[in-house]
């Protein structure tokens, strides 16, 4: 569900003359659903889309830029693999 929901409870009491206590005579519960902020959602999705286009616009990259990106990704994979091995080695101890 997008948006949110809220519950509002209204209670009405009267004073019981015999016991001098407050007695509940009426209770009303209202549930309201609030719509989502569509403008905010659109803005967030647009920002994500723009960020992704800036980072991974491979079609517009030169061969040299693509090669640099390839090397960066290979290095990142190698580091992830090394980190994975280190965590396995420490768990064996």
N, C-alpha and C. Protein backbone atom coordinates (compact mmCIF):
# COMPACT_ATOMS: atom_id res chain seq x y z
N UNK A 1 0.84 -1.17 0.00
CA UNK A 1 0.00 0.00 0.00
C UNK A 1 0.89 1.24 0.00
N UNK A 2 0.62 2.12 -0.90
CA UNK A 2 1.31 3.40 -0.91
C UNK A 2 0.55 4.36 -0.01
N UNK A 3 1.22 5.37 0.48
CA UNK A 3 0.58 6.32 1.38
C UNK A 3 0.65 5.80 2.80
N UNK A 4 -0.29 6.23 3.60
CA UNK A 4 -0.32 5.76 4.98
C UNK A 4 -1.75 5.74 5.48
N UNK A 5 -1.94 5.11 6.61
CA UNK A 5 -3.27 5.03 7.22
C UNK A 5 -3.16 5.50 8.65
N UNK A 6 -4.24 6.10 9.12
CA UNK A 6 -4.27 6.56 10.50
C UNK A 6 -5.62 6.23 11.12
N UNK A 7 -5.64 6.04 12.41
CA UNK A 7 -6.87 5.75 13.14
C UNK A 7 -7.08 6.83 14.19
N UNK A 8 -8.29 7.36 14.22
CA UNK A 8 -8.63 8.40 15.19
C UNK A 8 -9.77 7.87 16.06
N UNK A 9 -9.58 7.90 17.36
CA UNK A 9 -10.59 7.41 18.29
C UNK A 9 -11.12 8.57 19.13
N UNK A 10 -12.45 8.68 19.19
CA UNK A 10 -13.09 9.71 20.00
C UNK A 10 -13.98 9.01 21.03
N UNK A 11 -13.76 9.35 22.30
CA UNK A 11 -14.55 8.74 23.38
C UNK A 11 -15.34 9.81 24.11
N UNK A 12 -16.58 9.47 24.46
CA UNK A 12 -17.42 10.40 25.21
C UNK A 12 -17.78 9.75 26.55
N UNK A 13 -17.53 10.47 27.63
CA UNK A 13 -17.77 9.96 28.98
C UNK A 13 -18.82 10.83 29.69
N UNK A 14 -19.53 10.20 30.62
CA UNK A 14 -20.44 10.93 31.51
C UNK A 14 -20.14 10.51 32.95
N UNK A 15 -20.43 11.38 33.86
CA UNK A 15 -20.20 11.09 35.27
C UNK A 15 -21.40 10.32 35.82
N UNK A 16 -21.11 9.14 36.36
CA UNK A 16 -22.15 8.32 36.97
C UNK A 16 -22.41 8.89 38.37
N UNK A 17 -23.63 9.35 38.58
CA UNK A 17 -23.95 10.01 39.85
C UNK A 17 -23.93 9.06 41.04
N UNK A 18 -24.19 7.79 40.82
CA UNK A 18 -24.21 6.83 41.91
C UNK A 18 -22.80 6.45 42.37
N UNK A 19 -21.89 6.18 41.42
CA UNK A 19 -20.56 5.71 41.78
C UNK A 19 -19.51 6.81 41.72
N UNK A 20 -19.89 7.99 41.20
CA UNK A 20 -18.95 9.11 41.03
C UNK A 20 -17.76 8.75 40.13
N UNK A 21 -18.00 7.88 39.18
CA UNK A 21 -16.96 7.49 38.24
C UNK A 21 -17.38 7.88 36.82
N UNK A 22 -16.37 8.05 35.96
CA UNK A 22 -16.64 8.37 34.58
C UNK A 22 -16.99 7.08 33.85
N UNK A 23 -18.07 7.13 33.08
CA UNK A 23 -18.53 5.97 32.34
C UNK A 23 -18.49 6.28 30.85
N UNK A 24 -17.94 5.34 30.09
CA UNK A 24 -17.88 5.49 28.64
C UNK A 24 -19.27 5.29 28.07
N UNK A 25 -19.77 6.28 27.32
CA UNK A 25 -21.09 6.15 26.72
C UNK A 25 -21.03 6.06 25.19
N UNK A 26 -19.98 6.61 24.61
CA UNK A 26 -19.88 6.57 23.15
C UNK A 26 -18.41 6.51 22.74
N UNK A 27 -18.14 5.64 21.80
CA UNK A 27 -16.77 5.52 21.28
C UNK A 27 -16.87 5.44 19.76
N UNK A 28 -16.14 6.33 19.10
CA UNK A 28 -16.16 6.38 17.65
C UNK A 28 -14.74 6.22 17.12
N UNK A 29 -14.56 5.28 16.21
CA UNK A 29 -13.25 5.03 15.62
C UNK A 29 -13.33 5.35 14.13
N UNK A 30 -12.47 6.27 13.69
CA UNK A 30 -12.39 6.64 12.27
C UNK A 30 -11.05 6.20 11.71
N UNK A 31 -11.10 5.53 10.58
CA UNK A 31 -9.86 5.16 9.90
C UNK A 31 -9.77 6.00 8.64
N UNK A 32 -8.62 6.63 8.48
CA UNK A 32 -8.40 7.48 7.31
C UNK A 32 -7.16 6.99 6.57
N UNK A 33 -7.25 6.96 5.24
CA UNK A 33 -6.05 6.64 4.47
C UNK A 33 -5.58 7.91 3.77
N UNK A 34 -4.30 8.14 3.88
CA UNK A 34 -3.70 9.32 3.28
C UNK A 34 -3.00 8.91 1.99
N UNK A 35 -3.20 9.66 0.92
CA UNK A 35 -2.57 9.29 -0.35
C UNK A 35 -1.07 9.52 -0.31
N UNK A 36 -0.33 8.82 -1.16
CA UNK A 36 1.12 9.02 -1.21
C UNK A 36 1.46 10.36 -1.84
N UNK A 37 2.65 10.83 -1.55
CA UNK A 37 3.13 12.07 -2.15
C UNK A 37 3.73 11.71 -3.51
N UNK A 38 2.90 11.77 -4.54
CA UNK A 38 3.29 11.35 -5.88
C UNK A 38 4.45 12.19 -6.41
N UNK A 39 4.44 13.49 -6.14
CA UNK A 39 5.52 14.36 -6.62
C UNK A 39 6.87 13.92 -6.04
N UNK A 40 6.88 13.55 -4.78
CA UNK A 40 8.11 13.09 -4.14
C UNK A 40 8.59 11.78 -4.77
N UNK A 41 7.68 10.86 -5.01
CA UNK A 41 8.03 9.58 -5.61
C UNK A 41 8.60 9.80 -7.01
N UNK A 42 7.97 10.67 -7.80
CA UNK A 42 8.48 10.97 -9.14
C UNK A 42 9.88 11.56 -9.08
N UNK A 43 10.09 12.47 -8.13
CA UNK A 43 11.39 13.11 -7.99
C UNK A 43 12.47 12.08 -7.64
N UNK A 44 12.18 11.17 -6.74
CA UNK A 44 13.14 10.14 -6.34
C UNK A 44 13.47 9.23 -7.53
N UNK A 45 12.45 8.77 -8.25
CA UNK A 45 12.70 7.90 -9.40
C UNK A 45 13.49 8.62 -10.49
N UNK A 46 13.20 9.89 -10.71
CA UNK A 46 13.93 10.66 -11.71
C UNK A 46 15.40 10.79 -11.32
N UNK A 47 15.67 11.03 -10.04
CA UNK A 47 17.04 11.16 -9.57
C UNK A 47 17.80 9.85 -9.73
N UNK A 48 17.14 8.73 -9.40
CA UNK A 48 17.77 7.41 -9.57
C UNK A 48 18.09 7.17 -11.04
N UNK A 49 17.14 7.49 -11.91
CA UNK A 49 17.34 7.29 -13.34
C UNK A 49 18.51 8.13 -13.85
N UNK A 50 18.58 9.40 -13.44
CA UNK A 50 19.65 10.28 -13.88
C UNK A 50 21.01 9.79 -13.38
N UNK A 51 21.06 9.34 -12.13
CA UNK A 51 22.31 8.82 -11.56
C UNK A 51 22.78 7.59 -12.34
N UNK A 52 21.85 6.68 -12.64
CA UNK A 52 22.21 5.48 -13.39
C UNK A 52 22.69 5.82 -14.80
N UNK A 53 22.04 6.79 -15.43
CA UNK A 53 22.44 7.17 -16.78
C UNK A 53 23.84 7.77 -16.78
N UNK A 54 24.16 8.53 -15.76
CA UNK A 54 25.49 9.14 -15.69
C UNK A 54 26.57 8.08 -15.47
N UNK A 55 26.29 7.13 -14.60
CA UNK A 55 27.28 6.11 -14.25
C UNK A 55 27.51 5.11 -15.37
N UNK A 56 26.45 4.66 -16.01
CA UNK A 56 26.54 3.51 -16.90
C UNK A 56 26.08 3.83 -18.32
N UNK A 57 26.45 4.96 -18.83
CA UNK A 57 26.09 5.33 -20.19
C UNK A 57 27.15 4.80 -21.14
N UNK A 58 27.20 3.47 -21.27
CA UNK A 58 28.25 2.80 -22.03
C UNK A 58 28.18 3.13 -23.53
N UNK A 59 26.99 3.40 -24.03
CA UNK A 59 26.86 3.69 -25.46
C UNK A 59 27.64 4.93 -25.89
N UNK A 60 27.80 5.86 -24.98
CA UNK A 60 28.47 7.11 -25.32
C UNK A 60 29.95 7.12 -24.95
N UNK A 61 30.43 6.02 -24.38
CA UNK A 61 31.84 5.96 -23.97
C UNK A 61 32.73 5.65 -25.17
N UNK A 62 33.93 6.19 -25.12
CA UNK A 62 34.94 5.86 -26.14
C UNK A 62 35.52 4.50 -25.81
N UNK A 63 36.29 3.94 -26.74
CA UNK A 63 36.93 2.65 -26.49
C UNK A 63 37.86 2.73 -25.29
N UNK A 64 38.55 3.83 -25.17
CA UNK A 64 39.46 4.01 -24.04
C UNK A 64 38.70 4.04 -22.72
N UNK A 65 37.59 4.75 -22.68
CA UNK A 65 36.77 4.82 -21.46
C UNK A 65 36.19 3.45 -21.12
N UNK A 66 35.78 2.72 -22.15
CA UNK A 66 35.26 1.37 -21.91
C UNK A 66 36.33 0.46 -21.34
N UNK A 67 37.53 0.57 -21.85
CA UNK A 67 38.64 -0.23 -21.34
C UNK A 67 38.93 0.11 -19.88
N UNK A 68 38.90 1.40 -19.54
CA UNK A 68 39.12 1.83 -18.15
C UNK A 68 38.02 1.28 -17.25
N UNK A 69 36.79 1.33 -17.72
CA UNK A 69 35.66 0.80 -16.93
C UNK A 69 35.81 -0.70 -16.75
N UNK A 70 36.24 -1.39 -17.78
CA UNK A 70 36.46 -2.83 -17.70
C UNK A 70 37.51 -3.14 -16.63
N UNK A 71 38.63 -2.41 -16.65
CA UNK A 71 39.69 -2.62 -15.67
C UNK A 71 39.20 -2.32 -14.26
N UNK A 72 38.42 -1.27 -14.12
CA UNK A 72 37.87 -0.92 -12.80
C UNK A 72 36.98 -2.04 -12.27
N UNK A 73 36.13 -2.56 -13.13
CA UNK A 73 35.22 -3.63 -12.72
C UNK A 73 35.98 -4.92 -12.39
N UNK A 74 36.98 -5.24 -13.19
CA UNK A 74 37.79 -6.44 -12.91
C UNK A 74 38.51 -6.30 -11.57
N UNK A 75 39.03 -5.12 -11.30
CA UNK A 75 39.71 -4.87 -10.02
C UNK A 75 38.72 -5.02 -8.86
N UNK A 76 37.53 -4.48 -9.05
CA UNK A 76 36.50 -4.58 -8.01
C UNK A 76 36.12 -6.04 -7.75
N UNK A 77 35.98 -6.82 -8.81
CA UNK A 77 35.67 -8.25 -8.66
C UNK A 77 36.79 -8.99 -7.93
N UNK A 78 38.02 -8.68 -8.28
CA UNK A 78 39.17 -9.31 -7.63
C UNK A 78 39.19 -9.00 -6.14
N UNK A 79 38.92 -7.73 -5.78
CA UNK A 79 38.88 -7.34 -4.37
C UNK A 79 37.76 -8.06 -3.63
N UNK A 80 36.62 -8.20 -4.29
CA UNK A 80 35.50 -8.91 -3.66
C UNK A 80 35.86 -10.38 -3.43
N UNK A 81 36.54 -10.97 -4.40
CA UNK A 81 36.96 -12.36 -4.28
C UNK A 81 37.95 -12.51 -3.13
N UNK A 82 38.92 -11.59 -3.03
CA UNK A 82 39.90 -11.64 -1.95
C UNK A 82 39.24 -11.46 -0.59
N UNK A 83 38.29 -10.53 -0.51
CA UNK A 83 37.57 -10.32 0.75
C UNK A 83 36.80 -11.57 1.15
N UNK A 84 36.24 -12.25 0.15
CA UNK A 84 35.49 -13.47 0.42
C UNK A 84 36.41 -14.56 0.96
N UNK A 85 37.60 -14.68 0.39
CA UNK A 85 38.57 -15.68 0.86
C UNK A 85 39.03 -15.36 2.27
N UNK A 86 39.27 -14.09 2.55
CA UNK A 86 39.73 -13.70 3.89
C UNK A 86 38.68 -14.04 4.94
N UNK A 87 37.42 -13.81 4.64
CA UNK A 87 36.38 -14.10 5.62
C UNK A 87 36.25 -15.61 5.84
N UNK A 88 36.47 -16.41 4.78
CA UNK A 88 36.45 -17.87 4.95
C UNK A 88 37.62 -18.35 5.80
N UNK A 89 38.80 -17.74 5.58
CA UNK A 89 39.98 -18.13 6.34
C UNK A 89 39.83 -17.79 7.82
N UNK A 90 39.24 -16.66 8.14
CA UNK A 90 39.09 -16.28 9.54
C UNK A 90 38.01 -17.11 10.23
N UNK A 91 37.03 -17.61 9.46
CA UNK A 91 36.00 -18.43 10.09
C UNK A 91 36.50 -19.83 10.42
N UNK A 92 37.57 -20.28 9.76
CA UNK A 92 38.13 -21.59 10.04
C UNK A 92 38.93 -21.62 11.34
N UNK A 93 39.38 -20.48 11.78
CA UNK A 93 40.22 -20.42 12.99
C UNK A 93 39.42 -20.63 14.23
